[in-house]
Amino acid sequence: MLILASGSPRRRELLAQIGVRFEVDVADIDETPEASEVAQAYVERLALEKARVVAARHSDAVVLGSDTSVIIDGEILGKPLDEADAATMLARLAGRTHQVLTAVALVNGERALVRSIITQVHFRSLSEEEIQCYVATGEPSDKAGSYGIQGFGAILVDAIEGSYSNVVGLPLTETAAMLKEFNVPVWQVG
């Protein structure tokens, strides 16, 4: 049995997209970065911590934890605090390239595996009016970096280099390979 240690509807949709059967048990952890913690260490720590918290409640299951962050100039951009914060983040990303970094962790008993994937995302230049219109959609409110490539935010992105599903919140190729290592089947139909 696979348990997704995340309340993200995007991660649920992505796992279902590749035919993975799973249940959801959300891990409630403190997601505050540690002092001088670099982005990769941060997302890997959170993904593993989420998986371990849930695995402690389900000793017979394989648990998948994941965390996604947007990185620009070496700084982690989390979810915006409010609309003004979302607009500030979007203005910072406009016309520039940033990284989307996702860590995926699988835990089963004492066995744990963590991998992180980076995708380069190129934003087009944005006017203040475009930023305000996008923020008004409400879409940025629960997204790292204040945008969702799978929604209205698609028109903000000029190009990507790497995994599209990583930017959405779960790198599917890498996740499927990890699941195989834990004997969790994909491509299940019906």
Protein backbone atom coordinates (compact mmCIF):
# COMPACT_ATOMS: atom_id res chain seq x y z
CA MET A 1 0.00 0.00 0.00
CA LEU A 2 1.20 3.54 -0.82
CA ILE A 3 0.30 6.52 1.35
CA LEU A 4 0.80 10.08 0.13
CA ALA A 5 1.91 12.27 3.03
CA SER A 6 0.57 15.44 1.40
CA GLY A 7 -2.69 17.33 1.16
CA SER A 8 -1.72 18.79 -2.22
CA PRO A 9 -4.46 18.24 -4.79
CA ARG A 10 -1.83 18.58 -7.51
CA ARG A 11 0.23 15.69 -6.12
CA ARG A 12 -2.90 13.55 -5.85
CA GLU A 13 -3.78 14.31 -9.50
CA LEU A 14 -0.25 13.56 -10.69
CA LEU A 15 -0.04 10.21 -8.91
CA ALA A 16 -3.46 9.24 -10.25
CA GLN A 17 -2.35 10.32 -13.74
CA ILE A 18 0.27 7.55 -13.80
CA GLY A 19 -2.08 4.92 -12.39
CA VAL A 20 -0.79 4.74 -8.83
CA ARG A 21 -3.25 3.57 -6.18
CA PHE A 22 -2.77 5.35 -2.88
CA GLU A 23 -4.35 6.76 0.24
CA VAL A 24 -3.71 10.19 1.75
CA ASP A 25 -2.53 10.92 5.29
CA VAL A 26 -1.30 14.48 5.65
CA ALA A 27 1.84 15.14 7.69
CA ASP A 28 1.67 18.28 9.79
CA ILE A 29 5.24 19.50 10.24
CA ASP A 30 7.05 22.79 10.80
CA GLU A 31 8.28 23.93 7.38
CA THR A 32 10.53 26.73 8.62
CA PRO A 33 13.97 26.63 6.98
CA GLU A 34 16.84 26.08 9.39
CA ALA A 35 19.51 28.76 9.74
CA SER A 36 21.77 28.81 6.65
CA GLU A 37 19.99 25.75 5.18
CA VAL A 38 20.47 25.54 1.40
CA ALA A 39 17.47 24.88 -0.82
CA GLN A 40 18.24 21.25 -1.71
CA ALA A 41 18.86 20.27 1.91
CA TYR A 42 15.66 22.08 2.90
CA VAL A 43 13.32 20.32 0.43
CA GLU A 44 14.94 16.95 1.06
CA ARG A 45 14.62 17.37 4.84
CA LEU A 46 10.96 18.32 4.57
CA ALA A 47 10.07 15.52 2.15
CA LEU A 48 11.76 12.94 4.37
CA GLU A 49 10.27 14.36 7.56
CA LYS A 50 6.75 14.28 6.07
CA ALA A 51 7.22 10.67 4.97
CA ARG A 52 8.63 9.58 8.33
CA VAL A 53 5.86 11.24 10.35
CA VAL A 54 3.21 9.39 8.36
CA ALA A 55 5.21 6.14 8.21
CA ALA A 56 5.22 6.10 12.02
CA ARG A 57 1.41 5.76 11.83
CA HIS A 58 1.47 3.12 9.04
CA SER A 59 4.28 0.64 9.66
CA ASP A 60 3.21 -1.69 6.83
CA ALA A 61 2.95 0.96 4.11
CA VAL A 62 5.28 2.72 1.71
CA VAL A 63 4.92 6.44 2.38
CA LEU A 64 5.66 9.17 -0.16
CA GLY A 65 6.59 12.62 1.13
CA SER A 66 7.40 15.52 -1.15
CA ASP A 67 8.25 19.19 -0.99
CA THR A 68 8.56 21.78 -3.74
CA SER A 69 10.27 25.16 -3.55
CA VAL A 70 10.88 27.98 -5.99
CA ILE A 71 14.44 29.30 -5.87
CA ILE A 72 15.71 32.62 -7.20
CA ASP A 73 19.10 34.14 -6.45
CA GLY A 74 19.65 31.26 -4.00
CA GLU A 75 16.60 32.26 -1.95
CA ILE A 76 13.69 29.94 -1.25
CA LEU A 77 10.33 31.43 -2.17
CA GLY A 78 7.56 29.71 -0.27
CA LYS A 79 3.83 30.29 -0.42
CA PRO A 80 2.86 33.97 -0.27
CA LEU A 81 1.63 35.46 3.00
CA ASP A 82 -0.98 37.59 1.23
CA GLU A 83 -1.77 39.23 -2.13
CA ALA A 84 0.92 41.91 -1.70
CA ASP A 85 3.54 39.24 -1.02
CA ALA A 86 2.36 37.28 -4.09
CA ALA A 87 2.69 40.39 -6.27
CA THR A 88 6.19 41.05 -4.92
CA MET A 89 7.29 37.48 -5.69
CA LEU A 90 5.84 37.60 -9.20
CA ALA A 91 7.55 40.92 -9.92
CA ARG A 92 10.82 39.37 -8.78
CA LEU A 93 10.37 36.36 -11.10
CA ALA A 94 9.24 38.44 -14.10
CA GLY A 95 11.63 38.40 -17.05
CA ARG A 96 14.02 36.05 -15.25
CA THR A 97 14.93 32.40 -14.86
CA HIS A 98 14.37 30.60 -11.57
CA GLN A 99 14.56 27.02 -10.39
CA VAL A 100 11.80 24.74 -9.16
CA LEU A 101 13.25 22.15 -6.82
CA THR A 102 11.20 19.16 -5.67
CA ALA A 103 12.33 16.45 -3.30
CA VAL A 104 10.59 13.09 -3.22
CA ALA A 105 11.06 10.74 -0.26
CA LEU A 106 9.86 7.15 0.10
CA VAL A 107 9.88 5.47 3.50
CA ASN A 108 9.02 1.90 4.39
CA GLY A 109 10.05 0.87 7.88
CA GLU A 110 13.74 1.65 8.25
CA ARG A 111 14.26 1.95 4.49
CA ALA A 112 14.28 5.48 3.09
CA LEU A 113 15.12 6.96 -0.30
CA VAL A 114 15.24 10.67 -1.17
CA ARG A 115 15.84 12.33 -4.53
CA SER A 116 15.57 15.92 -5.66
CA ILE A 117 14.89 17.26 -9.15
CA ILE A 118 15.51 20.74 -10.55
CA THR A 119 13.67 22.39 -13.43
CA GLN A 120 14.70 25.74 -14.89
CA VAL A 121 11.70 28.02 -15.47
CA HIS A 122 11.90 31.13 -17.65
CA PHE A 123 9.28 33.80 -16.92
CA ARG A 124 8.36 36.36 -19.53
CA SER A 125 8.35 40.04 -18.65
CA LEU A 126 5.18 41.04 -16.81
CA SER A 127 3.48 44.41 -16.42
CA GLU A 128 2.18 45.52 -13.03
CA GLU A 129 -1.35 45.19 -14.44
CA GLU A 130 -0.72 41.56 -15.49
CA ILE A 131 0.65 40.76 -12.04
CA GLN A 132 -2.39 42.31 -10.34
CA CYS A 133 -4.81 40.48 -12.67
CA TYR A 134 -3.12 37.17 -11.96
CA VAL A 135 -3.06 37.76 -8.20
CA ALA A 136 -6.79 38.62 -8.38
CA THR A 137 -7.53 35.11 -9.70
CA GLY A 138 -6.59 33.77 -6.26
CA GLU A 139 -4.40 31.10 -7.84
CA PRO A 140 -1.10 32.29 -6.27
CA SER A 141 -2.36 32.00 -2.68
CA ASP A 142 -1.31 28.40 -1.99
CA LYS A 143 1.57 27.97 -4.42
CA ALA A 144 5.32 28.14 -3.85
CA GLY A 145 6.62 31.16 -5.74
CA SER A 146 3.04 32.45 -6.12
CA TYR A 147 2.19 30.71 -9.39
CA GLY A 148 0.80 27.50 -10.80
CA ILE A 149 2.04 26.44 -14.23
CA GLN A 150 -0.93 24.09 -14.62
CA GLY A 151 -3.46 26.95 -14.32
CA PHE A 152 -3.67 30.61 -15.24
CA GLY A 153 0.03 30.85 -14.43
CA ALA A 154 0.86 28.96 -17.63
CA ILE A 155 0.85 32.25 -19.55
CA LEU A 156 3.57 33.67 -17.28
CA VAL A 157 6.05 31.00 -18.33
CA ASP A 158 8.09 31.51 -21.49
CA ALA A 159 9.86 28.13 -21.37
CA ILE A 160 11.06 25.38 -19.08
CA GLU A 161 14.13 23.17 -19.12
CA GLY A 162 13.40 19.89 -17.38
CA SER A 163 10.38 18.17 -15.93
CA TYR A 164 7.00 19.89 -16.35
CA SER A 165 5.40 17.69 -13.67
CA ASN A 166 8.18 18.77 -11.29
CA VAL A 167 6.98 22.37 -11.65
CA VAL A 168 3.42 21.23 -10.92
CA GLY A 169 4.64 19.52 -7.75
CA LEU A 170 5.82 15.95 -8.36
CA PRO A 171 8.39 14.80 -10.94
CA LEU A 172 6.62 11.79 -12.41
CA THR A 173 9.46 10.04 -14.23
CA GLU A 174 11.67 10.06 -11.17
CA THR A 175 8.80 9.24 -8.79
CA ALA A 176 7.76 6.24 -10.91
CA ALA A 177 11.34 4.95 -10.87
CA MET A 178 11.51 5.33 -7.09
CA LEU A 179 8.16 3.57 -6.64
CA LYS A 180 9.48 0.68 -8.72
CA GLU A 181 12.39 0.32 -6.28
CA PHE A 182 9.78 -0.13 -3.52
CA ASN A 183 7.64 -2.52 -5.61
CA VAL A 184 4.76 -0.04 -5.85
CA PRO A 185 3.03 -0.51 -9.23
CA VAL A 186 2.19 2.26 -11.68
CA TRP A 187 -0.06 2.12 -14.75
CA GLN A 188 -2.88 0.50 -12.80
CA VAL A 189 -6.17 0.87 -14.63
CA GLY A 190 -9.66 0.51 -13.18
